[in-house]
Amino acid sequence: MTYRFELPISVRDYELDVQGVVNNAVYQNYFEHARHEFLRFIGLNFVELHNKGYDAVVHKIEIQYKKALMAGDNFVVKVAVEQEGPLRFIFHQQIERTSDKVVTTIAKVTTVFMNNGRPIRPPAEVLEAVQAHQNTAGEV
């Protein structure tokens, strides 16, 4: 998997559970924040899409926890996206701890676009932005 978007983040103390590691629910926040920043990076705005009647929603998420993040850890969330069929986008994401390059967490997030609660084909502007990003050379 080639990840061509990365978002650096640091663990915040309030994200830790009683064992001193990042609570498992917090990883979903990391992944979601990275997806939104990815959309912005490729020229899309999540709020503007909503205002146009297009809501990108998570249909399914699979997370594999490999190693724990702890207080003081810096990490990057990596993002790659592919279209699956006419309605779905699959976001492949991973978290890599900066200090030792260890992959701590892997996610596969299936998203769909909705309008008035019904699935729709992705808007042309989304398809074009994703395609343009996939056609650019090099990693970010």
C-alpha atoms as a PDB file:
ATOM      1  CA  MET A   1       0.000   0.000   0.000  1.00  0.00           C
ATOM      2  CA  THR A   2       1.373   3.382  -0.981  1.00  0.00           C
ATOM      3  CA  TYR A   3       0.388   6.073   1.500  1.00  0.00           C
ATOM      4  CA  ARG A   4       0.666   9.485  -0.125  1.00  0.00           C
ATOM      5  CA  PHE A   5      -0.739  11.588   2.690  1.00  0.00           C
ATOM      6  CA  GLU A   6       0.573  11.805   6.255  1.00  0.00           C
ATOM      7  CA  LEU A   7      -0.663  13.785   9.230  1.00  0.00           C
ATOM      8  CA  PRO A   8       1.631  14.213  12.257  1.00  0.00           C
ATOM      9  CA  ILE A   9      -0.085  14.094  15.667  1.00  0.00           C
ATOM     10  CA  SER A  10       1.061  13.847  19.299  1.00  0.00           C
ATOM     11  CA  VAL A  11      -0.582  11.857  22.073  1.00  0.00           C
ATOM     12  CA  ARG A  12      -2.300  14.112  24.601  1.00  0.00           C
ATOM     13  CA  ASP A  13      -2.445  13.121  28.263  1.00  0.00           C
ATOM     14  CA  TYR A  14      -6.249  13.109  28.422  1.00  0.00           C
ATOM     15  CA  GLU A  15      -6.359  10.415  25.714  1.00  0.00           C
ATOM     16  CA  LEU A  16      -4.810   7.825  28.041  1.00  0.00           C
ATOM     17  CA  ASP A  17      -6.703   5.169  29.935  1.00  0.00           C
ATOM     18  CA  VAL A  18      -5.969   3.825  33.399  1.00  0.00           C
ATOM     19  CA  GLN A  19      -3.190   1.575  32.013  1.00  0.00           C
ATOM     20  CA  GLY A  20      -1.337   4.630  30.668  1.00  0.00           C
ATOM     21  CA  VAL A  21      -1.916   3.839  26.996  1.00  0.00           C
ATOM     22  CA  VAL A  22      -4.080   5.596  24.417  1.00  0.00           C
ATOM     23  CA  ASN A  23      -7.669   4.428  24.861  1.00  0.00           C
ATOM     24  CA  ASN A  24      -8.804   2.298  21.922  1.00  0.00           C
ATOM     25  CA  ALA A  25     -11.712   4.639  21.089  1.00  0.00           C
ATOM     26  CA  VAL A  26      -9.303   7.554  20.597  1.00  0.00           C
ATOM     27  CA  TYR A  27      -7.767   5.885  17.550  1.00  0.00           C
ATOM     28  CA  GLN A  28     -11.031   6.437  15.673  1.00  0.00           C
ATOM     29  CA  ASN A  29     -10.650  10.163  16.341  1.00  0.00           C
ATOM     30  CA  TYR A  30      -7.110  10.070  14.960  1.00  0.00           C
ATOM     31  CA  PHE A  31      -8.255   8.249  11.835  1.00  0.00           C
ATOM     32  CA  GLU A  32     -11.245  10.553  11.280  1.00  0.00           C
ATOM     33  CA  HIS A  33      -9.179  13.704  11.732  1.00  0.00           C
ATOM     34  CA  ALA A  34      -6.647  12.397   9.189  1.00  0.00           C
ATOM     35  CA  ARG A  35      -9.410  11.610   6.668  1.00  0.00           C
ATOM     36  CA  HIS A  36     -10.827  15.123   6.984  1.00  0.00           C
ATOM     37  CA  GLU A  37      -7.362  16.660   6.588  1.00  0.00           C
ATOM     38  CA  PHE A  38      -6.767  14.416   3.586  1.00  0.00           C
ATOM     39  CA  LEU A  39      -9.960  15.695   1.954  1.00  0.00           C
ATOM     40  CA  ARG A  40      -8.850  19.256   2.596  1.00  0.00           C
ATOM     41  CA  PHE A  41      -5.408  18.459   1.185  1.00  0.00           C
ATOM     42  CA  ILE A  42      -6.924  17.257  -2.115  1.00  0.00           C
ATOM     43  CA  GLY A  43      -9.139  20.343  -2.345  1.00  0.00           C
ATOM     44  CA  LEU A  44     -12.368  19.140  -0.756  1.00  0.00           C
ATOM     45  CA  ASN A  45     -14.106  20.610   2.259  1.00  0.00           C
ATOM     46  CA  PHE A  46     -16.210  18.260   4.396  1.00  0.00           C
ATOM     47  CA  VAL A  47     -18.576  21.068   5.506  1.00  0.00           C
ATOM     48  CA  GLU A  48     -19.001  22.465   1.997  1.00  0.00           C
ATOM     49  CA  LEU A  49     -19.846  18.997   0.708  1.00  0.00           C
ATOM     50  CA  HIS A  50     -22.510  18.717   3.406  1.00  0.00           C
ATOM     51  CA  ASN A  51     -23.909  22.132   2.518  1.00  0.00           C
ATOM     52  CA  LYS A  52     -24.258  20.916  -1.088  1.00  0.00           C
ATOM     53  CA  GLY A  53     -26.244  17.895   0.130  1.00  0.00           C
ATOM     54  CA  TYR A  54     -23.428  15.331   0.051  1.00  0.00           C
ATOM     55  CA  ASP A  55     -22.621  13.587   3.310  1.00  0.00           C
ATOM     56  CA  ALA A  56     -19.658  11.226   3.429  1.00  0.00           C
ATOM     57  CA  VAL A  57     -20.348   8.693   6.159  1.00  0.00           C
ATOM     58  CA  VAL A  58     -18.521   5.716   7.587  1.00  0.00           C
ATOM     59  CA  HIS A  59     -20.248   2.498   6.602  1.00  0.00           C
ATOM     60  CA  LYS A  60     -17.770   0.114   8.232  1.00  0.00           C
ATOM     61  CA  ILE A  61     -14.489   0.374  10.099  1.00  0.00           C
ATOM     62  CA  GLU A  62     -11.998  -2.339  10.905  1.00  0.00           C
ATOM     63  CA  ILE A  63      -9.134  -1.551  13.280  1.00  0.00           C
ATOM     64  CA  GLN A  64      -6.194  -3.764  14.091  1.00  0.00           C
ATOM     65  CA  TYR A  65      -4.348  -2.712  17.255  1.00  0.00           C
ATOM     66  CA  LYS A  66      -0.735  -3.900  17.069  1.00  0.00           C
ATOM     67  CA  LYS A  67       1.207  -1.800  19.610  1.00  0.00           C
ATOM     68  CA  ALA A  68       0.055   0.771  22.129  1.00  0.00           C
ATOM     69  CA  LEU A  69       0.717   4.478  21.878  1.00  0.00           C
ATOM     70  CA  MET A  70       1.653   6.112  25.171  1.00  0.00           C
ATOM     71  CA  ALA A  71       2.044   9.548  26.723  1.00  0.00           C
ATOM     72  CA  GLY A  72       4.570  11.638  24.835  1.00  0.00           C
ATOM     73  CA  ASP A  73       4.473   9.571  21.653  1.00  0.00           C
ATOM     74  CA  ASN A  74       4.536  11.414  18.351  1.00  0.00           C
ATOM     75  CA  PHE A  75       3.125   9.609  15.346  1.00  0.00           C
ATOM     76  CA  VAL A  76       1.848  10.021  11.814  1.00  0.00           C
ATOM     77  CA  VAL A  77      -1.465   8.850  10.460  1.00  0.00           C
ATOM     78  CA  LYS A  78      -1.013   7.704   6.877  1.00  0.00           C
ATOM     79  CA  VAL A  79      -3.892   7.684   4.383  1.00  0.00           C
ATOM     80  CA  ALA A  80      -4.515   6.022   1.045  1.00  0.00           C
ATOM     81  CA  VAL A  81      -7.887   5.862  -0.699  1.00  0.00           C
ATOM     82  CA  GLU A  82      -9.408   3.750  -3.430  1.00  0.00           C
ATOM     83  CA  GLN A  83     -12.838   3.575  -4.963  1.00  0.00           C
ATOM     84  CA  GLU A  84     -14.626   0.247  -4.623  1.00  0.00           C
ATOM     85  CA  GLY A  85     -17.563  -0.153  -6.958  1.00  0.00           C
ATOM     86  CA  PRO A  86     -19.812   2.753  -7.851  1.00  0.00           C
ATOM     87  CA  LEU A  87     -20.657   3.843  -4.283  1.00  0.00           C
ATOM     88  CA  ARG A  88     -17.830   3.128  -1.852  1.00  0.00           C
ATOM     89  CA  PHE A  89     -14.471   4.592  -1.000  1.00  0.00           C
ATOM     90  CA  ILE A  90     -12.055   2.544   1.063  1.00  0.00           C
ATOM     91  CA  PHE A  91      -9.611   4.473   3.215  1.00  0.00           C
ATOM     92  CA  HIS A  92      -6.534   2.468   4.152  1.00  0.00           C
ATOM     93  CA  GLN A  93      -4.936   4.064   7.158  1.00  0.00           C
ATOM     94  CA  GLN A  94      -2.123   3.297   9.521  1.00  0.00           C
ATOM     95  CA  ILE A  95      -0.507   4.915  12.507  1.00  0.00           C
ATOM     96  CA  GLU A  96       3.267   4.846  12.681  1.00  0.00           C
ATOM     97  CA  ARG A  97       5.131   5.926  15.817  1.00  0.00           C
ATOM     98  CA  THR A  98       7.712   8.531  14.833  1.00  0.00           C
ATOM     99  CA  SER A  99      10.490   7.509  17.227  1.00  0.00           C
ATOM    100  CA  ASP A 100      10.969   3.960  15.924  1.00  0.00           C
ATOM    101  CA  LYS A 101       8.792   3.769  12.770  1.00  0.00           C
ATOM    102  CA  VAL A 102       6.705   0.984  14.331  1.00  0.00           C
ATOM    103  CA  VAL A 103       3.225   0.581  12.863  1.00  0.00           C
ATOM    104  CA  THR A 104       0.955   0.624  15.902  1.00  0.00           C
ATOM    105  CA  THR A 105      -2.496   0.547  14.335  1.00  0.00           C
ATOM    106  CA  ILE A 106      -4.059  -0.303  10.969  1.00  0.00           C
ATOM    107  CA  ALA A 107      -7.554   0.647   9.812  1.00  0.00           C
ATOM    108  CA  LYS A 108      -9.716  -0.073   6.810  1.00  0.00           C
ATOM    109  CA  VAL A 109     -12.578   2.416   6.648  1.00  0.00           C
ATOM    110  CA  THR A 110     -15.415   1.977   4.167  1.00  0.00           C
ATOM    111  CA  THR A 111     -17.314   5.173   3.391  1.00  0.00           C
ATOM    112  CA  VAL A 112     -20.299   6.049   1.245  1.00  0.00           C
ATOM    113  CA  PHE A 113     -21.950   9.289   0.206  1.00  0.00           C
ATOM    114  CA  MET A 114     -25.499   9.917   1.308  1.00  0.00           C
ATOM    115  CA  ASN A 115     -28.186  12.405   0.392  1.00  0.00           C
ATOM    116  CA  ASN A 116     -31.271  12.617   2.590  1.00  0.00           C
ATOM    117  CA  GLY A 117     -30.353   9.312   4.206  1.00  0.00           C
ATOM    118  CA  ARG A 118     -29.953   7.417   0.938  1.00  0.00           C
ATOM    119  CA  PRO A 119     -26.700   6.205  -0.647  1.00  0.00           C
ATOM    120  CA  ILE A 120     -25.668   8.088  -3.769  1.00  0.00           C
ATOM    121  CA  ARG A 121     -22.844   7.938  -6.273  1.00  0.00           C
ATOM    122  CA  PRO A 122     -19.933  10.137  -5.202  1.00  0.00           C
ATOM    123  CA  PRO A 123     -20.183  13.672  -6.581  1.00  0.00           C
ATOM    124  CA  ALA A 124     -18.065  14.444  -9.650  1.00  0.00           C
ATOM    125  CA  GLU A 125     -15.909  16.903  -7.709  1.00  0.00           C
ATOM    126  CA  VAL A 126     -14.960  14.142  -5.254  1.00  0.00           C
ATOM    127  CA  LEU A 127     -14.158  11.659  -8.002  1.00  0.00           C
ATOM    128  CA  GLU A 128     -12.043  14.252  -9.810  1.00  0.00           C
ATOM    129  CA  ALA A 129     -10.138  15.285  -6.661  1.00  0.00           C
ATOM    130  CA  VAL A 130      -9.382  11.690  -5.676  1.00  0.00           C
ATOM    131  CA  GLN A 131      -8.310  10.796  -9.212  1.00  0.00           C
ATOM    132  CA  ALA A 132      -6.065  13.870  -9.462  1.00  0.00           C
ATOM    133  CA  HIS A 133      -4.437  12.957  -6.148  1.00  0.00           C
ATOM    134  CA  GLN A 134      -3.843   9.372  -7.255  1.00  0.00           C
ATOM    135  CA  ASN A 135      -2.254  10.596 -10.486  1.00  0.00           C
ATOM    136  CA  THR A 136       0.263  12.855  -8.748  1.00  0.00           C
ATOM    137  CA  ALA A 137       3.750  11.472  -8.344  1.00  0.00           C
ATOM    138  CA  GLY A 138       5.648  11.193  -5.091  1.00  0.00           C
ATOM    139  CA  GLU A 139       4.662  10.916  -1.479  1.00  0.00           C
ATOM    140  CA  VAL A 140       3.494  13.620   0.865  1.00  0.00           C
END
